[in-house]
Amino acid sequence: MNSTKPIIEQHAEHIEWLNKLSFYKDDMVTFQHRLNDIAKKNTSMEIMAVVEQLQNQLKIHEEQADILKHEINEHEQAIERSILENPVAADHRKVQDHAIHREKIASFELLFAQYRKTLLSFCAKWM
């Protein structure tokens, strides 16, 4: 589907997504601290294996958040270049919708929510 959206709407979505990703990155720092605390207090091989698995998953989420942030920033820069090249009626101009980015953000949020639930359940048990 080739739909278009006003530039201002895309810009607003970019800001919203970047804010969400920043929030998730803050969560990731907290989660890493919690996992480190559990690893210090519980040295059994079984618990350490789960901690390592959760840390590896966390790294994957961090990488995905960084990739999404980069893609969003690239898209935002392309919009800015378009406006600079032709500033006439930029606030009324429509551009190609970024549905792929929207899907990627939704997918990231779903997977991160599942990870958060698993991690918090583990932390509740072992902290």
C-alpha atoms as a PDB file:
ATOM      1  CA  MET A   1       0.000   0.000   0.000  1.00  0.00           C
ATOM      2  CA  ASN A   2       1.512   3.330  -1.055  1.00  0.00           C
ATOM      3  CA  SER A   3      -0.005   5.838   1.308  1.00  0.00           C
ATOM      4  CA  THR A   4       1.273   9.266   2.145  1.00  0.00           C
ATOM      5  CA  LYS A   5       1.260  11.339   5.317  1.00  0.00           C
ATOM      6  CA  PRO A   6       1.946  14.975   6.070  1.00  0.00           C
ATOM      7  CA  ILE A   7       5.587  15.599   6.934  1.00  0.00           C
ATOM      8  CA  ILE A   8       4.622  17.043  10.296  1.00  0.00           C
ATOM      9  CA  GLU A   9       2.876  13.779  11.279  1.00  0.00           C
ATOM     10  CA  GLN A  10       5.938  11.745  10.382  1.00  0.00           C
ATOM     11  CA  HIS A  11       8.137  14.121  12.347  1.00  0.00           C
ATOM     12  CA  ALA A  12       5.842  13.758  15.382  1.00  0.00           C
ATOM     13  CA  GLU A  13       6.001   9.971  15.103  1.00  0.00           C
ATOM     14  CA  HIS A  14       9.793  10.109  14.894  1.00  0.00           C
ATOM     15  CA  ILE A  15       9.960  12.162  18.081  1.00  0.00           C
ATOM     16  CA  GLU A  16       7.557   9.789  19.842  1.00  0.00           C
ATOM     17  CA  TRP A  17       9.548   6.730  18.763  1.00  0.00           C
ATOM     18  CA  LEU A  18      12.883   8.244  19.745  1.00  0.00           C
ATOM     19  CA  ASN A  19      11.460   9.106  23.174  1.00  0.00           C
ATOM     20  CA  LYS A  20      10.169   5.552  23.585  1.00  0.00           C
ATOM     21  CA  LEU A  21      13.526   4.098  22.583  1.00  0.00           C
ATOM     22  CA  SER A  22      15.262   6.370  25.071  1.00  0.00           C
ATOM     23  CA  PHE A  23      12.901   5.149  27.789  1.00  0.00           C
ATOM     24  CA  TYR A  24      13.581   1.517  26.849  1.00  0.00           C
ATOM     25  CA  LYS A  25      17.333   2.150  26.924  1.00  0.00           C
ATOM     26  CA  ASP A  26      16.959   3.514  30.476  1.00  0.00           C
ATOM     27  CA  ASP A  27      15.063   0.344  31.392  1.00  0.00           C
ATOM     28  CA  MET A  28      17.868  -1.726  29.907  1.00  0.00           C
ATOM     29  CA  VAL A  29      20.439  -0.060  32.158  1.00  0.00           C
ATOM     30  CA  THR A  30      18.279  -0.825  35.184  1.00  0.00           C
ATOM     31  CA  PHE A  31      17.768  -4.406  34.049  1.00  0.00           C
ATOM     32  CA  GLN A  32      21.512  -4.883  33.621  1.00  0.00           C
ATOM     33  CA  HIS A  33      22.089  -3.646  37.178  1.00  0.00           C
ATOM     34  CA  ARG A  34      19.486  -6.066  38.508  1.00  0.00           C
ATOM     35  CA  LEU A  35      21.070  -8.970  36.654  1.00  0.00           C
ATOM     36  CA  ASN A  36      24.492  -7.996  37.984  1.00  0.00           C
ATOM     37  CA  ASP A  37      23.099  -7.913  41.530  1.00  0.00           C
ATOM     38  CA  ILE A  38      21.578 -11.367  41.121  1.00  0.00           C
ATOM     39  CA  ALA A  39      24.842 -12.727  39.693  1.00  0.00           C
ATOM     40  CA  LYS A  40      26.775 -11.382  42.700  1.00  0.00           C
ATOM     41  CA  LYS A  41      24.351 -12.875  45.236  1.00  0.00           C
ATOM     42  CA  ASN A  42      23.660 -16.222  43.555  1.00  0.00           C
ATOM     43  CA  THR A  43      26.610 -18.106  42.147  1.00  0.00           C
ATOM     44  CA  SER A  44      24.970 -21.440  41.331  1.00  0.00           C
ATOM     45  CA  MET A  45      25.580 -22.602  37.779  1.00  0.00           C
ATOM     46  CA  GLU A  46      21.847 -22.866  37.103  1.00  0.00           C
ATOM     47  CA  ILE A  47      21.141 -19.262  38.088  1.00  0.00           C
ATOM     48  CA  MET A  48      24.263 -17.986  36.342  1.00  0.00           C
ATOM     49  CA  ALA A  49      23.139 -19.702  33.126  1.00  0.00           C
ATOM     50  CA  VAL A  50      19.776 -17.917  33.275  1.00  0.00           C
ATOM     51  CA  VAL A  51      21.482 -14.593  34.098  1.00  0.00           C
ATOM     52  CA  GLU A  52      23.768 -15.038  31.100  1.00  0.00           C
ATOM     53  CA  GLN A  53      20.834 -15.897  28.843  1.00  0.00           C
ATOM     54  CA  LEU A  54      18.914 -12.808  30.015  1.00  0.00           C
ATOM     55  CA  GLN A  55      22.004 -10.641  29.548  1.00  0.00           C
ATOM     56  CA  ASN A  56      22.438 -11.951  25.998  1.00  0.00           C
ATOM     57  CA  GLN A  57      18.795 -11.210  25.238  1.00  0.00           C
ATOM     58  CA  LEU A  58      19.239  -7.748  26.717  1.00  0.00           C
ATOM     59  CA  LYS A  59      22.202  -7.101  24.412  1.00  0.00           C
ATOM     60  CA  ILE A  60      20.069  -8.097  21.432  1.00  0.00           C
ATOM     61  CA  HIS A  61      17.337  -5.670  22.523  1.00  0.00           C
ATOM     62  CA  GLU A  62      19.951  -2.918  22.967  1.00  0.00           C
ATOM     63  CA  GLU A  63      21.297  -3.550  19.473  1.00  0.00           C
ATOM     64  CA  GLN A  64      17.808  -3.518  17.982  1.00  0.00           C
ATOM     65  CA  ALA A  65      16.981  -0.266  19.775  1.00  0.00           C
ATOM     66  CA  ASP A  66      20.192   1.267  18.397  1.00  0.00           C
ATOM     67  CA  ILE A  67      19.363   0.083  14.871  1.00  0.00           C
ATOM     68  CA  LEU A  68      15.840   1.497  15.099  1.00  0.00           C
ATOM     69  CA  LYS A  69      17.138   4.802  16.448  1.00  0.00           C
ATOM     70  CA  HIS A  70      19.611   5.020  13.579  1.00  0.00           C
ATOM     71  CA  GLU A  71      16.950   4.234  10.974  1.00  0.00           C
ATOM     72  CA  ILE A  72      14.552   6.795  12.447  1.00  0.00           C
ATOM     73  CA  ASN A  73      17.275   9.451  12.528  1.00  0.00           C
ATOM     74  CA  GLU A  74      18.161   8.700   8.907  1.00  0.00           C
ATOM     75  CA  HIS A  75      14.517   9.064   7.895  1.00  0.00           C
ATOM     76  CA  GLU A  76      14.233  12.313   9.845  1.00  0.00           C
ATOM     77  CA  GLN A  77      17.342  13.650   8.103  1.00  0.00           C
ATOM     78  CA  ALA A  78      15.881  12.747   4.708  1.00  0.00           C
ATOM     79  CA  ILE A  79      12.743  14.708   5.576  1.00  0.00           C
ATOM     80  CA  GLU A  80      14.848  17.674   6.701  1.00  0.00           C
ATOM     81  CA  ARG A  81      16.825  17.599   3.434  1.00  0.00           C
ATOM     82  CA  SER A  82      13.575  17.532   1.486  1.00  0.00           C
ATOM     83  CA  ILE A  83      12.324  20.582   3.360  1.00  0.00           C
ATOM     84  CA  LEU A  84      15.599  22.450   2.877  1.00  0.00           C
ATOM     85  CA  GLU A  85      15.580  21.694  -0.846  1.00  0.00           C
ATOM     86  CA  ASN A  86      12.001  22.898  -1.252  1.00  0.00           C
ATOM     87  CA  PRO A  87      10.712  24.825   1.794  1.00  0.00           C
ATOM     88  CA  VAL A  88       7.550  26.052   0.045  1.00  0.00           C
ATOM     89  CA  ALA A  89       4.475  24.730   1.856  1.00  0.00           C
ATOM     90  CA  ALA A  90       6.564  22.124   3.681  1.00  0.00           C
ATOM     91  CA  ASP A  91       4.014  21.939   6.458  1.00  0.00           C
ATOM     92  CA  HIS A  92       1.364  20.838   3.943  1.00  0.00           C
ATOM     93  CA  ARG A  93       3.509  18.496   1.890  1.00  0.00           C
ATOM     94  CA  LYS A  94       2.928  14.783   2.080  1.00  0.00           C
ATOM     95  CA  VAL A  95       5.599  12.123   1.944  1.00  0.00           C
ATOM     96  CA  GLN A  96       5.647   8.365   1.661  1.00  0.00           C
ATOM     97  CA  ASP A  97       4.342   6.776   4.852  1.00  0.00           C
ATOM     98  CA  HIS A  98       6.921   4.957   6.932  1.00  0.00           C
ATOM     99  CA  ALA A  99       4.795   1.921   7.715  1.00  0.00           C
ATOM    100  CA  ILE A 100       7.845  -0.332   7.882  1.00  0.00           C
ATOM    101  CA  HIS A 101       9.293   1.734  10.731  1.00  0.00           C
ATOM    102  CA  ARG A 102       5.937   1.668  12.512  1.00  0.00           C
ATOM    103  CA  GLU A 103       5.859  -2.133  12.233  1.00  0.00           C
ATOM    104  CA  LYS A 104       9.430  -2.431  13.476  1.00  0.00           C
ATOM    105  CA  ILE A 105       8.701  -0.244  16.499  1.00  0.00           C
ATOM    106  CA  ALA A 106       5.548  -2.234  17.309  1.00  0.00           C
ATOM    107  CA  SER A 107       7.446  -5.498  17.014  1.00  0.00           C
ATOM    108  CA  PHE A 108      10.280  -4.197  19.191  1.00  0.00           C
ATOM    109  CA  GLU A 109       7.810  -3.045  21.844  1.00  0.00           C
ATOM    110  CA  LEU A 110       6.036  -6.396  21.883  1.00  0.00           C
ATOM    111  CA  LEU A 111       9.261  -8.390  22.178  1.00  0.00           C
ATOM    112  CA  PHE A 112      10.693  -6.045  24.793  1.00  0.00           C
ATOM    113  CA  ALA A 113       7.496  -6.278  26.860  1.00  0.00           C
ATOM    114  CA  GLN A 114       7.777 -10.073  26.793  1.00  0.00           C
ATOM    115  CA  TYR A 115      11.433  -9.842  27.813  1.00  0.00           C
ATOM    116  CA  ARG A 116      10.602  -7.392  30.618  1.00  0.00           C
ATOM    117  CA  LYS A 117       7.941  -9.762  31.971  1.00  0.00           C
ATOM    118  CA  THR A 118      10.366 -12.707  31.958  1.00  0.00           C
ATOM    119  CA  LEU A 119      13.155 -10.672  33.529  1.00  0.00           C
ATOM    120  CA  LEU A 120      10.993  -9.165  36.263  1.00  0.00           C
ATOM    121  CA  SER A 121       9.627 -12.591  37.146  1.00  0.00           C
ATOM    122  CA  PHE A 122      13.182 -13.913  37.423  1.00  0.00           C
ATOM    123  CA  CYS A 123      14.284 -10.901  39.479  1.00  0.00           C
ATOM    124  CA  ALA A 124      11.337 -11.290  41.843  1.00  0.00           C
ATOM    125  CA  LYS A 125      12.356 -14.871  42.459  1.00  0.00           C
ATOM    126  CA  TRP A 126      16.092 -14.324  42.957  1.00  0.00           C
ATOM    127  CA  MET A 127      16.610 -10.825  44.346  1.00  0.00           C
END
